[in-house]
Amino acid sequence: MDVTDPSYAEGRILQFESEEHIRSDLLQTFPYQGPRQRIVYETREFSAVCPYSGLPDYGTLSIEYIPARTIVELKSLKYYIVSFRNVGIFQEPATARLYNDLHALLQPEFLCVKTVYNVRGGIDATSEIRSDRQ
């Protein structure tokens, strides 16, 4: 077995979990009654698994919203985000899942979820869903 041979990794797929392992049940909120404001959370630690190759996709996740009545609790948000780590999901459906889960949870005045993935194969990939463009 010659690991330097380019064909060594060809056809290999690493194991990953199904989308059922995304833990939206971990998300928690608390009431908000303050003035109207824009809230932005960003992490450069977002990752999921490419279901085609089994290799990790890393990127930056930005969540921007204007709360209506509730705010997401940050520790629960972090655990939710980490639950994507071993899940096989394409980039665009991952963005949609994040958006749908957060929109259902918060029912905000405005929500934008944006994923900017690290370059892969020389291609930059960005996905964005905004409630004002639905």
C-alpha atoms as a PDB file:
ATOM      1  CA  MET A   1       0.000   0.000   0.000  1.00  0.00           C
ATOM      2  CA  ASP A   2       1.657   3.206  -1.232  1.00  0.00           C
ATOM      3  CA  VAL A   3      -0.022   6.184   0.457  1.00  0.00           C
ATOM      4  CA  THR A   4       1.855   8.581  -1.858  1.00  0.00           C
ATOM      5  CA  ASP A   5       0.084   7.112  -4.899  1.00  0.00           C
ATOM      6  CA  PRO A   6      -2.724   9.536  -5.957  1.00  0.00           C
ATOM      7  CA  SER A   7      -5.136   6.616  -6.354  1.00  0.00           C
ATOM      8  CA  TYR A   8      -4.712   5.702  -2.653  1.00  0.00           C
ATOM      9  CA  ALA A   9      -7.578   7.982  -1.514  1.00  0.00           C
ATOM     10  CA  GLU A  10      -9.676   7.626  -4.658  1.00  0.00           C
ATOM     11  CA  GLY A  11     -13.105   6.274  -3.876  1.00  0.00           C
ATOM     12  CA  ARG A  12     -12.634   6.469  -0.114  1.00  0.00           C
ATOM     13  CA  ILE A  13     -15.520   7.871   1.886  1.00  0.00           C
ATOM     14  CA  LEU A  14     -15.336   8.677   5.566  1.00  0.00           C
ATOM     15  CA  GLN A  15     -18.332   7.830   7.728  1.00  0.00           C
ATOM     16  CA  PHE A  16     -20.747  10.570   8.812  1.00  0.00           C
ATOM     17  CA  GLU A  17     -24.113  10.989  10.535  1.00  0.00           C
ATOM     18  CA  SER A  18     -27.504  11.715   8.949  1.00  0.00           C
ATOM     19  CA  GLU A  19     -29.303  15.065   9.227  1.00  0.00           C
ATOM     20  CA  GLU A  20     -31.400  13.566  12.034  1.00  0.00           C
ATOM     21  CA  HIS A  21     -28.377  14.176  14.285  1.00  0.00           C
ATOM     22  CA  ILE A  22     -28.717  17.969  14.006  1.00  0.00           C
ATOM     23  CA  ARG A  23     -29.857  18.963  17.495  1.00  0.00           C
ATOM     24  CA  SER A  24     -32.332  21.836  17.094  1.00  0.00           C
ATOM     25  CA  ASP A  25     -33.887  20.614  20.357  1.00  0.00           C
ATOM     26  CA  LEU A  26     -30.860  22.112  22.156  1.00  0.00           C
ATOM     27  CA  LEU A  27     -31.808  25.673  21.174  1.00  0.00           C
ATOM     28  CA  GLN A  28     -33.181  27.815  23.986  1.00  0.00           C
ATOM     29  CA  THR A  29     -34.440  31.381  24.160  1.00  0.00           C
ATOM     30  CA  PHE A  30     -35.116  34.047  26.721  1.00  0.00           C
ATOM     31  CA  PRO A  31     -37.609  36.937  26.579  1.00  0.00           C
ATOM     32  CA  TYR A  32     -36.568  40.261  25.104  1.00  0.00           C
ATOM     33  CA  GLN A  33     -38.439  43.509  25.710  1.00  0.00           C
ATOM     34  CA  GLY A  34     -35.736  46.085  25.023  1.00  0.00           C
ATOM     35  CA  PRO A  35     -35.521  48.576  22.172  1.00  0.00           C
ATOM     36  CA  ARG A  36     -35.483  47.379  18.574  1.00  0.00           C
ATOM     37  CA  GLN A  37     -31.948  46.318  17.746  1.00  0.00           C
ATOM     38  CA  ARG A  38     -29.947  44.291  15.269  1.00  0.00           C
ATOM     39  CA  ILE A  39     -28.110  41.317  16.796  1.00  0.00           C
ATOM     40  CA  VAL A  40     -25.224  39.624  14.977  1.00  0.00           C
ATOM     41  CA  TYR A  41     -23.467  36.391  15.912  1.00  0.00           C
ATOM     42  CA  GLU A  42     -20.515  35.068  13.948  1.00  0.00           C
ATOM     43  CA  THR A  43     -18.335  31.999  14.272  1.00  0.00           C
ATOM     44  CA  ARG A  44     -15.432  30.846  12.150  1.00  0.00           C
ATOM     45  CA  GLU A  45     -15.819  27.349  13.598  1.00  0.00           C
ATOM     46  CA  PHE A  46     -18.808  26.097  11.610  1.00  0.00           C
ATOM     47  CA  SER A  47     -18.297  22.683  10.047  1.00  0.00           C
ATOM     48  CA  ALA A  48     -20.321  19.905   8.508  1.00  0.00           C
ATOM     49  CA  VAL A  49     -19.411  16.949   6.314  1.00  0.00           C
ATOM     50  CA  CYS A  50     -19.673  16.779   2.537  1.00  0.00           C
ATOM     51  CA  PRO A  51     -21.978  13.801   1.918  1.00  0.00           C
ATOM     52  CA  TYR A  52     -20.285  13.198  -1.437  1.00  0.00           C
ATOM     53  CA  SER A  53     -16.734  12.747  -0.099  1.00  0.00           C
ATOM     54  CA  GLY A  54     -17.130  12.440   3.657  1.00  0.00           C
ATOM     55  CA  LEU A  55     -14.592  15.249   4.040  1.00  0.00           C
ATOM     56  CA  PRO A  56     -15.261  18.202   6.345  1.00  0.00           C
ATOM     57  CA  ASP A  57     -16.510  21.543   5.035  1.00  0.00           C
ATOM     58  CA  TYR A  58     -15.317  24.428   7.212  1.00  0.00           C
ATOM     59  CA  GLY A  59     -16.636  27.945   7.104  1.00  0.00           C
ATOM     60  CA  THR A  60     -17.819  31.103   8.759  1.00  0.00           C
ATOM     61  CA  LEU A  61     -21.418  31.281   9.917  1.00  0.00           C
ATOM     62  CA  SER A  62     -23.117  34.654  10.402  1.00  0.00           C
ATOM     63  CA  ILE A  63     -26.523  35.023  12.013  1.00  0.00           C
ATOM     64  CA  GLU A  64     -28.136  38.456  11.984  1.00  0.00           C
ATOM     65  CA  TYR A  65     -31.595  39.143  13.339  1.00  0.00           C
ATOM     66  CA  ILE A  66     -33.960  41.689  14.837  1.00  0.00           C
ATOM     67  CA  PRO A  67     -35.794  40.009  17.700  1.00  0.00           C
ATOM     68  CA  ALA A  68     -39.557  40.212  18.025  1.00  0.00           C
ATOM     69  CA  ARG A  69     -40.004  38.712  21.490  1.00  0.00           C
ATOM     70  CA  THR A  70     -37.113  36.338  22.190  1.00  0.00           C
ATOM     71  CA  ILE A  71     -33.331  36.050  21.903  1.00  0.00           C
ATOM     72  CA  VAL A  72     -31.421  32.824  21.406  1.00  0.00           C
ATOM     73  CA  GLU A  73     -29.299  31.762  24.379  1.00  0.00           C
ATOM     74  CA  LEU A  74     -25.675  31.625  23.169  1.00  0.00           C
ATOM     75  CA  LYS A  75     -24.525  28.431  24.888  1.00  0.00           C
ATOM     76  CA  SER A  76     -27.467  26.549  23.378  1.00  0.00           C
ATOM     77  CA  LEU A  77     -26.672  28.097  19.984  1.00  0.00           C
ATOM     78  CA  LYS A  78     -23.069  26.893  20.232  1.00  0.00           C
ATOM     79  CA  TYR A  79     -24.146  23.318  21.042  1.00  0.00           C
ATOM     80  CA  TYR A  80     -26.631  23.414  18.163  1.00  0.00           C
ATOM     81  CA  ILE A  81     -23.939  24.634  15.752  1.00  0.00           C
ATOM     82  CA  VAL A  82     -21.518  21.938  16.942  1.00  0.00           C
ATOM     83  CA  SER A  83     -24.180  19.278  16.259  1.00  0.00           C
ATOM     84  CA  PHE A  84     -23.580  19.835  12.513  1.00  0.00           C
ATOM     85  CA  ARG A  85     -19.938  18.774  12.850  1.00  0.00           C
ATOM     86  CA  ASN A  86     -20.334  15.074  11.928  1.00  0.00           C
ATOM     87  CA  VAL A  87     -23.464  15.408   9.788  1.00  0.00           C
ATOM     88  CA  GLY A  88     -23.389  14.778   6.044  1.00  0.00           C
ATOM     89  CA  ILE A  89     -25.179  17.746   4.495  1.00  0.00           C
ATOM     90  CA  PHE A  90     -24.462  19.826   1.407  1.00  0.00           C
ATOM     91  CA  GLN A  91     -23.583  23.491   1.956  1.00  0.00           C
ATOM     92  CA  GLU A  92     -26.798  25.062   0.684  1.00  0.00           C
ATOM     93  CA  PRO A  93     -29.134  22.736   2.624  1.00  0.00           C
ATOM     94  CA  ALA A  94     -27.024  23.381   5.745  1.00  0.00           C
ATOM     95  CA  THR A  95     -27.675  27.109   5.368  1.00  0.00           C
ATOM     96  CA  ALA A  96     -31.387  26.447   4.815  1.00  0.00           C
ATOM     97  CA  ARG A  97     -31.564  24.182   7.873  1.00  0.00           C
ATOM     98  CA  LEU A  98     -29.892  26.817  10.067  1.00  0.00           C
ATOM     99  CA  TYR A  99     -32.271  29.474   8.754  1.00  0.00           C
ATOM    100  CA  ASN A 100     -35.414  27.356   9.145  1.00  0.00           C
ATOM    101  CA  ASP A 101     -34.555  26.192  12.669  1.00  0.00           C
ATOM    102  CA  LEU A 102     -33.718  29.708  13.869  1.00  0.00           C
ATOM    103  CA  HIS A 103     -36.724  31.287  12.171  1.00  0.00           C
ATOM    104  CA  ALA A 104     -39.084  28.733  13.742  1.00  0.00           C
ATOM    105  CA  LEU A 105     -37.480  29.244  17.151  1.00  0.00           C
ATOM    106  CA  LEU A 106     -37.276  33.044  17.219  1.00  0.00           C
ATOM    107  CA  GLN A 107     -39.988  34.234  14.817  1.00  0.00           C
ATOM    108  CA  PRO A 108     -37.948  37.435  14.452  1.00  0.00           C
ATOM    109  CA  GLU A 109     -38.801  40.648  12.638  1.00  0.00           C
ATOM    110  CA  PHE A 110     -35.810  39.961  10.393  1.00  0.00           C
ATOM    111  CA  LEU A 111     -33.347  37.077   9.997  1.00  0.00           C
ATOM    112  CA  CYS A 112     -30.310  36.538   7.788  1.00  0.00           C
ATOM    113  CA  VAL A 113     -28.202  33.377   7.879  1.00  0.00           C
ATOM    114  CA  LYS A 114     -25.019  33.370   5.818  1.00  0.00           C
ATOM    115  CA  THR A 115     -22.387  30.664   5.412  1.00  0.00           C
ATOM    116  CA  VAL A 116     -19.039  31.409   3.789  1.00  0.00           C
ATOM    117  CA  TYR A 117     -17.130  28.190   3.250  1.00  0.00           C
ATOM    118  CA  ASN A 118     -13.370  27.855   3.048  1.00  0.00           C
ATOM    119  CA  VAL A 119     -12.074  27.555  -0.499  1.00  0.00           C
ATOM    120  CA  ARG A 120     -12.366  24.045  -1.863  1.00  0.00           C
ATOM    121  CA  GLY A 121     -11.076  23.059  -5.278  1.00  0.00           C
ATOM    122  CA  GLY A 122     -10.338  26.717  -5.999  1.00  0.00           C
ATOM    123  CA  ILE A 123     -14.012  27.707  -5.634  1.00  0.00           C
ATOM    124  CA  ASP A 124     -15.393  30.109  -3.036  1.00  0.00           C
ATOM    125  CA  ALA A 125     -18.890  29.158  -1.843  1.00  0.00           C
ATOM    126  CA  THR A 126     -21.302  31.478  -0.031  1.00  0.00           C
ATOM    127  CA  SER A 127     -24.952  30.789   0.790  1.00  0.00           C
ATOM    128  CA  GLU A 128     -27.310  33.382   2.253  1.00  0.00           C
ATOM    129  CA  ILE A 129     -30.987  33.354   3.170  1.00  0.00           C
ATOM    130  CA  ARG A 130     -32.711  36.561   4.273  1.00  0.00           C
ATOM    131  CA  SER A 131     -36.276  36.925   5.507  1.00  0.00           C
ATOM    132  CA  ASP A 132     -36.681  40.174   3.562  1.00  0.00           C
ATOM    133  CA  ARG A 133     -36.147  38.281   0.298  1.00  0.00           C
ATOM    134  CA  GLN A 134     -38.563  35.412   0.888  1.00  0.00           C
END
